[in-house]
Amino acid sequence: MVKHSRGYRTRSRSLLKKSPRERGAVPSLSRLMVEYKEGDKVVVKINPSIHSAMPHRRYQGKVGKIIGKRGRAYLVSVTLGDKEKVIIVRPEHLIPFSTGR
């Protein structure tokens, strides 16, 4: 028996799958050029075609707060259960949080 892999992207096929309209599309420059400031709220929306500074799949869809910058990536504070986690995420995997009003 071969042991089951427990890789970084295991069980993420439906979670990290692009819709047919998004497939093959280069991420828009407006999404990449957004400059976030400390205290801004963002949503972690993983772009599966860009692997650099991709957060773990458990953070997909989570809302976090920008607490700093590290190189081109941002430090994002995310609540996971009752803990505060700090993740390093590039802007390709972030979208600004809006309340929908």
PDB file of N, CA and C in Angstrom:
ATOM      1  N   MET A   1       0.832  -1.193   0.000  1.00  0.00           N
ATOM      2  CA  MET A   1       0.000   0.000   0.000  1.00  0.00           C
ATOM      3  C   MET A   1       0.875   1.254   0.000  1.00  0.00           C
ATOM      4  N   VAL A   2       0.551   2.200  -0.851  1.00  0.00           N
ATOM      5  CA  VAL A   2       1.276   3.463  -0.900  1.00  0.00           C
ATOM      6  C   VAL A   2       0.570   4.447   0.032  1.00  0.00           C
ATOM      7  N   LYS A   3       1.354   5.152   0.819  1.00  0.00           N
ATOM      8  CA  LYS A   3       0.792   6.088   1.786  1.00  0.00           C
ATOM      9  C   LYS A   3       0.185   7.290   1.070  1.00  0.00           C
ATOM     10  N   HIS A   4      -0.971   7.756   1.573  1.00  0.00           N
ATOM     11  CA  HIS A   4      -1.684   8.895   0.993  1.00  0.00           C
ATOM     12  C   HIS A   4      -0.900  10.182   1.223  1.00  0.00           C
ATOM     13  N   SER A   5      -0.757  10.985   0.164  1.00  0.00           N
ATOM     14  CA  SER A   5      -0.014  12.242   0.261  1.00  0.00           C
ATOM     15  C   SER A   5      -0.799  13.264   1.076  1.00  0.00           C
ATOM     16  N   ARG A   6      -0.078  14.001   1.897  1.00  0.00           N
ATOM     17  CA  ARG A   6      -0.697  15.081   2.665  1.00  0.00           C
ATOM     18  C   ARG A   6      -0.028  16.405   2.283  1.00  0.00           C
ATOM     19  N   GLY A   7       0.013  16.679   0.987  1.00  0.00           N
ATOM     20  CA  GLY A   7       0.704  17.856   0.483  1.00  0.00           C
ATOM     21  C   GLY A   7       0.005  19.158   0.813  1.00  0.00           C
ATOM     22  N   TYR A   8       0.639  20.256   0.423  1.00  0.00           N
ATOM     23  CA  TYR A   8       0.162  21.599   0.729  1.00  0.00           C
ATOM     24  C   TYR A   8      -1.199  21.885   0.103  1.00  0.00           C
ATOM     25  N   ARG A   9      -1.462  21.274  -1.062  1.00  0.00           N
ATOM     26  CA  ARG A   9      -2.719  21.546  -1.768  1.00  0.00           C
ATOM     27  C   ARG A   9      -3.639  20.335  -1.803  1.00  0.00           C
ATOM     28  N   THR A  10      -3.484  19.424  -0.865  1.00  0.00           N
ATOM     29  CA  THR A  10      -4.316  18.230  -0.858  1.00  0.00           C
ATOM     30  C   THR A  10      -5.778  18.586  -0.584  1.00  0.00           C
ATOM     31  N   ARG A  11      -6.688  17.895  -1.266  1.00  0.00           N
ATOM     32  CA  ARG A  11      -8.136  18.074  -1.153  1.00  0.00           C
ATOM     33  C   ARG A  11      -8.577  19.496  -1.478  1.00  0.00           C
ATOM     34  N   SER A  12      -7.956  20.110  -2.455  1.00  0.00           N
ATOM     35  CA  SER A  12      -8.290  21.495  -2.770  1.00  0.00           C
ATOM     36  C   SER A  12      -8.755  21.658  -4.213  1.00  0.00           C
ATOM     37  N   ARG A  13      -9.128  20.576  -4.885  1.00  0.00           N
ATOM     38  CA  ARG A  13      -9.476  20.666  -6.301  1.00  0.00           C
ATOM     39  C   ARG A  13     -10.656  21.609  -6.532  1.00  0.00           C
ATOM     40  N   SER A  14     -11.743  21.443  -5.785  1.00  0.00           N
ATOM     41  CA  SER A  14     -12.906  22.308  -6.009  1.00  0.00           C
ATOM     42  C   SER A  14     -12.672  23.691  -5.431  1.00  0.00           C
ATOM     43  N   LEU A  15     -11.898  23.773  -4.354  1.00  0.00           N
ATOM     44  CA  LEU A  15     -11.651  25.059  -3.695  1.00  0.00           C
ATOM     45  C   LEU A  15     -10.776  25.978  -4.541  1.00  0.00           C
ATOM     46  N   LEU A  16      -9.746  25.419  -5.177  1.00  0.00           N
ATOM     47  CA  LEU A  16      -8.800  26.227  -5.940  1.00  0.00           C
ATOM     48  C   LEU A  16      -9.021  26.133  -7.449  1.00  0.00           C
ATOM     49  N   LYS A  17     -10.241  25.792  -7.859  1.00  0.00           N
ATOM     50  CA  LYS A  17     -10.525  25.674  -9.286  1.00  0.00           C
ATOM     51  C   LYS A  17     -11.113  26.984  -9.797  1.00  0.00           C
ATOM     52  N   LYS A  18     -10.615  27.452 -10.945  1.00  0.00           N
ATOM     53  CA  LYS A  18     -11.149  28.665 -11.540  1.00  0.00           C
ATOM     54  C   LYS A  18     -12.432  28.341 -12.302  1.00  0.00           C
ATOM     55  N   SER A  19     -13.292  29.336 -12.425  1.00  0.00           N
ATOM     56  CA  SER A  19     -14.495  29.149 -13.225  1.00  0.00           C
ATOM     57  C   SER A  19     -14.075  29.156 -14.705  1.00  0.00           C
ATOM     58  N   PRO A  20     -14.895  28.576 -15.582  1.00  0.00           N
ATOM     59  CA  PRO A  20     -14.508  28.530 -17.002  1.00  0.00           C
ATOM     60  C   PRO A  20     -14.212  29.896 -17.604  1.00  0.00           C
ATOM     61  N   ARG A  21     -14.872  30.957 -17.157  1.00  0.00           N
ATOM     62  CA  ARG A  21     -14.626  32.299 -17.686  1.00  0.00           C
ATOM     63  C   ARG A  21     -13.287  32.854 -17.226  1.00  0.00           C
ATOM     64  N   GLU A  22     -12.816  32.410 -16.075  1.00  0.00           N
ATOM     65  CA  GLU A  22     -11.543  32.911 -15.541  1.00  0.00           C
ATOM     66  C   GLU A  22     -10.342  32.155 -16.080  1.00  0.00           C
ATOM     67  N   ARG A  23     -10.560  30.969 -16.622  1.00  0.00           N
ATOM     68  CA  ARG A  23      -9.440  30.114 -17.015  1.00  0.00           C
ATOM     69  C   ARG A  23      -8.591  30.755 -18.089  1.00  0.00           C
ATOM     70  N   GLY A  24      -7.279  30.687 -17.922  1.00  0.00           N
ATOM     71  CA  GLY A  24      -6.350  31.203 -18.900  1.00  0.00           C
ATOM     72  C   GLY A  24      -6.188  32.708 -18.864  1.00  0.00           C
ATOM     73  N   ALA A  25      -6.995  33.365 -18.051  1.00  0.00           N
ATOM     74  CA  ALA A  25      -6.938  34.828 -17.999  1.00  0.00           C
ATOM     75  C   ALA A  25      -5.813  35.274 -17.073  1.00  0.00           C
ATOM     76  N   VAL A  26      -5.111  36.294 -17.491  1.00  0.00           N
ATOM     77  CA  VAL A  26      -4.076  36.900 -16.661  1.00  0.00           C
ATOM     78  C   VAL A  26      -4.789  37.776 -15.631  1.00  0.00           C
ATOM     79  N   PRO A  27      -4.339  37.772 -14.368  1.00  0.00           N
ATOM     80  CA  PRO A  27      -5.012  38.617 -13.389  1.00  0.00           C
ATOM     81  C   PRO A  27      -4.939  40.089 -13.782  1.00  0.00           C
ATOM     82  N   SER A  28      -6.027  40.810 -13.534  1.00  0.00           N
ATOM     83  CA  SER A  28      -6.097  42.206 -13.970  1.00  0.00           C
ATOM     84  C   SER A  28      -5.072  43.052 -13.226  1.00  0.00           C
ATOM     85  N   LEU A  29      -4.531  44.032 -13.930  1.00  0.00           N
ATOM     86  CA  LEU A  29      -3.523  44.903 -13.332  1.00  0.00           C
ATOM     87  C   LEU A  29      -4.109  45.738 -12.203  1.00  0.00           C
ATOM     88  N   SER A  30      -5.383  46.083 -12.308  1.00  0.00           N
ATOM     89  CA  SER A  30      -5.994  46.891 -11.260  1.00  0.00           C
ATOM     90  C   SER A  30      -6.008  46.133  -9.930  1.00  0.00           C
ATOM     91  N   ARG A  31      -6.132  44.824 -10.004  1.00  0.00           N
ATOM     92  CA  ARG A  31      -6.110  44.023  -8.775  1.00  0.00           C
ATOM     93  C   ARG A  31      -4.696  43.939  -8.201  1.00  0.00           C
ATOM     94  N   LEU A  32      -3.702  43.925  -9.082  1.00  0.00           N
ATOM     95  CA  LEU A  32      -2.321  43.818  -8.616  1.00  0.00           C
ATOM     96  C   LEU A  32      -1.764  45.141  -8.121  1.00  0.00           C
ATOM     97  N   MET A  33      -2.289  46.238  -8.637  1.00  0.00           N
ATOM     98  CA  MET A  33      -1.713  47.539  -8.322  1.00  0.00           C
ATOM     99  C   MET A  33      -2.368  48.228  -7.126  1.00  0.00           C
ATOM    100  N   VAL A  34      -3.321  47.576  -6.485  1.00  0.00           N
ATOM    101  CA  VAL A  34      -3.947  48.172  -5.304  1.00  0.00           C
ATOM    102  C   VAL A  34      -2.911  48.252  -4.197  1.00  0.00           C
ATOM    103  N   GLU A  35      -2.724  49.444  -3.647  1.00  0.00           N
ATOM    104  CA  GLU A  35      -1.802  49.630  -2.524  1.00  0.00           C
ATOM    105  C   GLU A  35      -2.623  49.601  -1.244  1.00  0.00           C
ATOM    106  N   TYR A  36      -2.385  48.614  -0.418  1.00  0.00           N
ATOM    107  CA  TYR A  36      -3.095  48.507   0.850  1.00  0.00           C
ATOM    108  C   TYR A  36      -2.303  49.229   1.935  1.00  0.00           C
ATOM    109  N   LYS A  37      -3.029  49.858   2.840  1.00  0.00           N
ATOM    110  CA  LYS A  37      -2.403  50.528   3.975  1.00  0.00           C
ATOM    111  C   LYS A  37      -2.652  49.708   5.227  1.00  0.00           C
ATOM    112  N   GLU A  38      -1.867  49.950   6.268  1.00  0.00           N
ATOM    113  CA  GLU A  38      -2.075  49.253   7.537  1.00  0.00           C
ATOM    114  C   GLU A  38      -3.473  49.562   8.051  1.00  0.00           C
ATOM    115  N   GLY A  39      -4.168  48.514   8.472  1.00  0.00           N
ATOM    116  CA  GLY A  39      -5.527  48.670   8.984  1.00  0.00           C
ATOM    117  C   GLY A  39      -6.601  48.372   7.961  1.00  0.00           C
ATOM    118  N   ASP A  40      -6.242  48.293   6.662  1.00  0.00           N
ATOM    119  CA  ASP A  40      -7.229  47.967   5.630  1.00  0.00           C
ATOM    120  C   ASP A  40      -7.696  46.528   5.797  1.00  0.00           C
ATOM    121  N   LYS A  41      -8.991  46.304   5.525  1.00  0.00           N
ATOM    122  CA  LYS A  41      -9.522  44.949   5.568  1.00  0.00           C
ATOM    123  C   LYS A  41      -9.482  44.356   4.160  1.00  0.00           C
ATOM    124  N   VAL A  42      -9.079  43.100   4.080  1.00  0.00           N
ATOM    125  CA  VAL A  42      -8.976  42.410   2.793  1.00  0.00           C
ATOM    126  C   VAL A  42      -9.570  41.010   2.909  1.00  0.00           C
ATOM    127  N   VAL A  43      -9.951  40.464   1.761  1.00  0.00           N
ATOM    128  CA  VAL A  43     -10.427  39.093   1.680  1.00  0.00           C
ATOM    129  C   VAL A  43      -9.344  38.272   0.999  1.00  0.00           C
ATOM    130  N   VAL A  44      -9.031  37.115   1.558  1.00  0.00           N
ATOM    131  CA  VAL A  44      -8.051  36.216   0.953  1.00  0.00           C
ATOM    132  C   VAL A  44      -8.773  35.410  -0.119  1.00  0.00           C
ATOM    133  N   LYS A  45      -8.464  35.697  -1.379  1.00  0.00           N
ATOM    134  CA  LYS A  45      -9.053  34.978  -2.512  1.00  0.00           C
ATOM    135  C   LYS A  45      -7.889  34.425  -3.319  1.00  0.00           C
ATOM    136  N   ILE A  46      -7.597  33.158  -3.128  1.00  0.00           N
ATOM    137  CA  ILE A  46      -6.409  32.542  -3.709  1.00  0.00           C
ATOM    138  C   ILE A  46      -6.546  32.425  -5.222  1.00  0.00           C
ATOM    139  N   ASN A  47      -5.508  32.888  -5.936  1.00  0.00           N
ATOM    140  CA  ASN A  47      -5.421  32.697  -7.380  1.00  0.00           C
ATOM    141  C   ASN A  47      -4.562  31.450  -7.596  1.00  0.00           C
ATOM    142  N   PRO A  48      -5.158  30.331  -8.006  1.00  0.00           N
ATOM    143  CA  PRO A  48      -4.408  29.070  -8.073  1.00  0.00           C
ATOM    144  C   PRO A  48      -3.324  29.044  -9.134  1.00  0.00           C
ATOM    145  N   SER A  49      -3.364  29.963 -10.104  1.00  0.00           N
ATOM    146  CA  SER A  49      -2.353  29.939 -11.159  1.00  0.00           C
ATOM    147  C   SER A  49      -1.073  30.648 -10.752  1.00  0.00           C
ATOM    148  N   ILE A  50      -1.068  31.346  -9.617  1.00  0.00           N
ATOM    149  CA  ILE A  50       0.127  32.036  -9.134  1.00  0.00           C
ATOM    150  C   ILE A  50       0.524  31.395  -7.807  1.00  0.00           C
ATOM    151  N   HIS A  51       1.679  30.710  -7.818  1.00  0.00           N
ATOM    152  CA  HIS A  51       2.062  29.926  -6.655  1.00  0.00           C
ATOM    153  C   HIS A  51       2.881  30.702  -5.639  1.00  0.00           C
ATOM    154  N   SER A  52       3.485  31.822  -6.052  1.00  0.00           N
ATOM    155  CA  SER A  52       4.352  32.534  -5.125  1.00  0.00           C
ATOM    156  C   SER A  52       3.529  33.245  -4.058  1.00  0.00           C
ATOM    157  N   ALA A  53       3.936  33.053  -2.810  1.00  0.00           N
ATOM    158  CA  ALA A  53       3.271  33.633  -1.630  1.00  0.00           C
ATOM    159  C   ALA A  53       1.791  33.294  -1.586  1.00  0.00           C
ATOM    160  N   MET A  54       1.451  32.078  -2.018  1.00  0.00           N
ATOM    161  CA  MET A  54       0.074  31.610  -1.945  1.00  0.00           C
ATOM    162  C   MET A  54      -0.201  31.132  -0.523  1.00  0.00           C
ATOM    163  N   PRO A  55      -1.257  31.635   0.106  1.00  0.00           N
ATOM    164  CA  PRO A  55      -1.560  31.159   1.460  1.00  0.00           C
ATOM    165  C   PRO A  55      -2.130  29.751   1.438  1.00  0.00           C
ATOM    166  N   HIS A  56      -2.162  29.108   2.582  1.00  0.00           N
ATOM    167  CA  HIS A  56      -2.730  27.771   2.696  1.00  0.00           C
ATOM    168  C   HIS A  56      -4.222  27.828   2.393  1.00  0.00           C
ATOM    169  N   ARG A  57      -4.773  26.733   1.919  1.00  0.00           N
ATOM    170  CA  ARG A  57      -6.176  26.704   1.510  1.00  0.00           C
ATOM    171  C   ARG A  57      -7.138  26.969   2.661  1.00  0.00           C
ATOM    172  N   ARG A  58      -6.692  26.764   3.908  1.00  0.00           N
ATOM    173  CA  ARG A  58      -7.590  27.005   5.044  1.00  0.00           C
ATOM    174  C   ARG A  58      -7.939  28.484   5.197  1.00  0.00           C
ATOM    175  N   TYR A  59      -7.152  29.371   4.561  1.00  0.00           N
ATOM    176  CA  TYR A  59      -7.410  30.804   4.665  1.00  0.00           C
ATOM    177  C   TYR A  59      -8.253  31.343   3.512  1.00  0.00           C
ATOM    178  N   GLN A  60      -8.646  30.495   2.562  1.00  0.00           N
ATOM    179  CA  GLN A  60      -9.453  30.925   1.423  1.00  0.00           C
ATOM    180  C   GLN A  60     -10.775  31.500   1.914  1.00  0.00           C
ATOM    181  N   GLY A  61     -11.079  32.736   1.499  1.00  0.00           N
ATOM    182  CA  GLY A  61     -12.342  33.367   1.864  1.00  0.00           C
ATOM    183  C   GLY A  61     -12.328  34.093   3.192  1.00  0.00           C
ATOM    184  N   LYS A  62     -11.244  34.030   3.920  1.00  0.00           N
ATOM    185  CA  LYS A  62     -11.181  34.683   5.227  1.00  0.00           C
ATOM    186  C   LYS A  62     -10.947  36.180   5.066  1.00  0.00           C
ATOM    187  N   VAL A  63     -11.505  36.945   5.990  1.00  0.00           N
ATOM    188  CA  VAL A  63     -11.296  38.387   6.022  1.00  0.00           C
ATOM    189  C   VAL A  63     -10.214  38.677   7.050  1.00  0.00           C
ATOM    190  N   GLY A  64      -9.242  39.479   6.655  1.00  0.00           N
ATOM    191  CA  GLY A  64      -8.151  39.821   7.553  1.00  0.00           C
ATOM    192  C   GLY A  64      -7.831  41.303   7.490  1.00  0.00           C
ATOM    193  N   LYS A  65      -6.870  41.699   8.325  1.00  0.00           N
ATOM    194  CA  LYS A  65      -6.469  43.094   8.400  1.00  0.00           C
ATOM    195  C   LYS A  65      -4.994  43.189   8.058  1.00  0.00           C
ATOM    196  N   ILE A  66      -4.636  44.161   7.216  1.00  0.00           N
ATOM    197  CA  ILE A  66      -3.242  44.396   6.847  1.00  0.00           C
ATOM    198  C   ILE A  66      -2.516  44.958   8.065  1.00  0.00           C
ATOM    199  N   ILE A  67      -1.413  44.304   8.439  1.00  0.00           N
ATOM    200  CA  ILE A  67      -0.652  44.814   9.583  1.00  0.00           C
ATOM    201  C   ILE A  67       0.753  45.246   9.189  1.00  0.00           C
ATOM    202  N   GLY A  68       1.133  45.033   7.931  1.00  0.00           N
ATOM    203  CA  GLY A  68       2.459  45.462   7.491  1.00  0.00           C
ATOM    204  C   GLY A  68       2.756  44.973   6.099  1.00  0.00           C
ATOM    205  N   LYS A  69       3.978  45.278   5.655  1.00  0.00           N
ATOM    206  CA  LYS A  69       4.406  44.871   4.322  1.00  0.00           C
ATOM    207  C   LYS A  69       5.768  44.206   4.444  1.00  0.00           C
ATOM    208  N   ARG A  70       6.000  43.184   3.637  1.00  0.00           N
ATOM    209  CA  ARG A  70       7.278  42.487   3.612  1.00  0.00           C
ATOM    210  C   ARG A  70       7.641  42.243   2.164  1.00  0.00           C
ATOM    211  N   GLY A  71       8.538  43.083   1.637  1.00  0.00           N
ATOM    212  CA  GLY A  71       8.869  43.002   0.219  1.00  0.00           C
ATOM    213  C   GLY A  71       7.657  43.407  -0.592  1.00  0.00           C
ATOM    214  N   ARG A  72       7.263  42.564  -1.547  1.00  0.00           N
ATOM    215  CA  ARG A  72       6.060  42.838  -2.329  1.00  0.00           C
ATOM    216  C   ARG A  72       4.815  42.274  -1.665  1.00  0.00           C
ATOM    217  N   ALA A  73       4.998  41.453  -0.640  1.00  0.00           N
ATOM    218  CA  ALA A  73       3.879  40.793   0.022  1.00  0.00           C
ATOM    219  C   ALA A  73       3.397  41.609   1.220  1.00  0.00           C
ATOM    220  N   TYR A  74       2.221  41.247   1.690  1.00  0.00           N
ATOM    221  CA  TYR A  74       1.623  41.906   2.848  1.00  0.00           C
ATOM    222  C   TYR A  74       1.509  40.926   4.001  1.00  0.00           C
ATOM    223  N   LEU A  75       1.618  41.453   5.206  1.00  0.00           N
ATOM    224  CA  LEU A  75       1.364  40.679   6.410  1.00  0.00           C
ATOM    225  C   LEU A  75      -0.102  40.881   6.760  1.00  0.00           C
ATOM    226  N   VAL A  76      -0.857  39.799   6.801  1.00  0.00           N
ATOM    227  CA  VAL A  76      -2.293  39.877   7.037  1.00  0.00           C
ATOM    228  C   VAL A  76      -2.619  39.105   8.307  1.00  0.00           C
ATOM    229  N   SER A  77      -3.341  39.755   9.220  1.00  0.00           N
ATOM    230  CA  SER A  77      -3.776  39.119  10.458  1.00  0.00           C
ATOM    231  C   SER A  77      -5.163  38.539  10.233  1.00  0.00           C
ATOM    232  N   VAL A  78      -5.306  37.220  10.413  1.00  0.00           N
ATOM    233  CA  VAL A  78      -6.555  36.509  10.156  1.00  0.00           C
ATOM    234  C   VAL A  78      -6.957  35.765  11.421  1.00  0.00           C
ATOM    235  N   THR A  79      -8.250  35.781  11.738  1.00  0.00           N
ATOM    236  CA  THR A  79      -8.748  35.020  12.882  1.00  0.00           C
ATOM    237  C   THR A  79      -9.066  33.603  12.415  1.00  0.00           C
ATOM    238  N   LEU A  80      -8.529  32.626  13.136  1.00  0.00           N
ATOM    239  CA  LEU A  80      -8.768  31.223  12.828  1.00  0.00           C
ATOM    240  C   LEU A  80      -9.223  30.557  14.118  1.00  0.00           C
ATOM    241  N   GLY A  81     -10.534  30.352  14.236  1.00  0.00           N
ATOM    242  CA  GLY A  81     -11.066  29.865  15.498  1.00  0.00           C
ATOM    243  C   GLY A  81     -10.961  30.974  16.525  1.00  0.00           C
ATOM    244  N   ASP A  82     -10.254  30.713  17.627  1.00  0.00           N
ATOM    245  CA  ASP A  82     -10.065  31.749  18.642  1.00  0.00           C
ATOM    246  C   ASP A  82      -8.644  32.297  18.637  1.00  0.00           C
ATOM    247  N   LYS A  83      -7.888  31.993  17.567  1.00  0.00           N
ATOM    248  CA  LYS A  83      -6.501  32.456  17.478  1.00  0.00           C
ATOM    249  C   LYS A  83      -6.339  33.493  16.379  1.00  0.00           C
ATOM    250  N   GLU A  84      -5.334  34.354  16.557  1.00  0.00           N
ATOM    251  CA  GLU A  84      -4.948  35.319  15.528  1.00  0.00           C
ATOM    252  C   GLU A  84      -3.727  34.753  14.807  1.00  0.00           C
ATOM    253  N   LYS A  85      -3.818  34.611  13.499  1.00  0.00           N
ATOM    254  CA  LYS A  85      -2.705  34.117  12.701  1.00  0.00           C
ATOM    255  C   LYS A  85      -2.212  35.228  11.797  1.00  0.00           C
ATOM    256  N   VAL A  86      -0.909  35.292  11.582  1.00  0.00           N
ATOM    257  CA  VAL A  86      -0.331  36.260  10.657  1.00  0.00           C
ATOM    258  C   VAL A  86       0.189  35.476   9.457  1.00  0.00           C
ATOM    259  N   ILE A  87      -0.334  35.811   8.275  1.00  0.00           N
ATOM    260  CA  ILE A  87       0.086  35.119   7.057  1.00  0.00           C
ATOM    261  C   ILE A  87       0.732  36.132   6.111  1.00  0.00           C
ATOM    262  N   ILE A  88       1.627  35.641   5.271  1.00  0.00           N
ATOM    263  CA  ILE A  88       2.323  36.473   4.291  1.00  0.00           C
ATOM    264  C   ILE A  88       1.700  36.179   2.932  1.00  0.00           C
ATOM    265  N   VAL A  89       1.094  37.202   2.332  1.00  0.00           N
ATOM    266  CA  VAL A  89       0.321  37.002   1.108  1.00  0.00           C
ATOM    267  C   VAL A  89       0.674  38.080   0.099  1.00  0.00           C
ATOM    268  N   ARG A  90       0.859  37.688  -1.156  1.00  0.00           N
ATOM    269  CA  ARG A  90       1.078  38.653  -2.222  1.00  0.00           C
ATOM    270  C   ARG A  90      -0.273  39.234  -2.658  1.00  0.00           C
ATOM    271  N   PRO A  91      -0.271  40.432  -3.268  1.00  0.00           N
ATOM    272  CA  PRO A  91      -1.542  41.073  -3.628  1.00  0.00           C
ATOM    273  C   PRO A  91      -2.369  40.315  -4.665  1.00  0.00           C
ATOM    274  N   GLU A  92      -1.775  39.363  -5.381  1.00  0.00           N
ATOM    275  CA  GLU A  92      -2.546  38.562  -6.336  1.00  0.00           C
ATOM    276  C   GLU A  92      -3.616  37.729  -5.646  1.00  0.00           C
ATOM    277  N   HIS A  93      -3.421  37.459  -4.361  1.00  0.00           N
ATOM    278  CA  HIS A  93      -4.342  36.609  -3.609  1.00  0.00           C
ATOM    279  C   HIS A  93      -5.217  37.410  -2.665  1.00  0.00           C
ATOM    280  N   LEU A  94      -5.267  38.733  -2.831  1.00  0.00           N
ATOM    281  CA  LEU A  94      -6.062  39.587  -1.954  1.00  0.00           C
ATOM    282  C   LEU A  94      -7.029  40.433  -2.778  1.00  0.00           C
ATOM    283  N   ILE A  95      -8.212  40.692  -2.211  1.00  0.00           N
ATOM    284  CA  ILE A  95      -9.132  41.662  -2.786  1.00  0.00           C
ATOM    285  C   ILE A  95      -9.610  42.561  -1.643  1.00  0.00           C
ATOM    286  N   PRO A  96      -9.877  43.831  -1.928  1.00  0.00           N
ATOM    287  CA  PRO A  96     -10.361  44.720  -0.866  1.00  0.00           C
ATOM    288  C   PRO A  96     -11.695  44.252  -0.320  1.00  0.00           C
ATOM    289  N   PHE A  97     -11.878  44.386   0.977  1.00  0.00           N
ATOM    290  CA  PHE A  97     -13.126  43.981   1.627  1.00  0.00           C
ATOM    291  C   PHE A  97     -14.127  45.120   1.531  1.00  0.00           C
ATOM    292  N   SER A  98     -15.323  44.805   1.078  1.00  0.00           N
ATOM    293  CA  SER A  98     -16.383  45.811   1.037  1.00  0.00           C
ATOM    294  C   SER A  98     -17.588  45.240   1.779  1.00  0.00           C
ATOM    295  N   THR A  99     -18.311  46.105   2.480  1.00  0.00           N
ATOM    296  CA  THR A  99     -19.427  45.654   3.292  1.00  0.00           C
ATOM    297  C   THR A  99     -20.657  45.343   2.450  1.00  0.00           C
ATOM    298  N   GLY A 100     -20.644  45.751   1.166  1.00  0.00           N
ATOM    299  CA  GLY A 100     -21.760  45.448   0.279  1.00  0.00           C
ATOM    300  C   GLY A 100     -22.891  46.458   0.374  1.00  0.00           C
ATOM    301  N   ARG A 101     -22.615  47.622   0.910  1.00  0.00           N
ATOM    302  CA  ARG A 101     -23.666  48.650   1.026  1.00  0.00           C
ATOM    303  C   ARG A 101     -23.678  49.544  -0.172  1.00  0.00           C
TER     304      ARG A 101
END
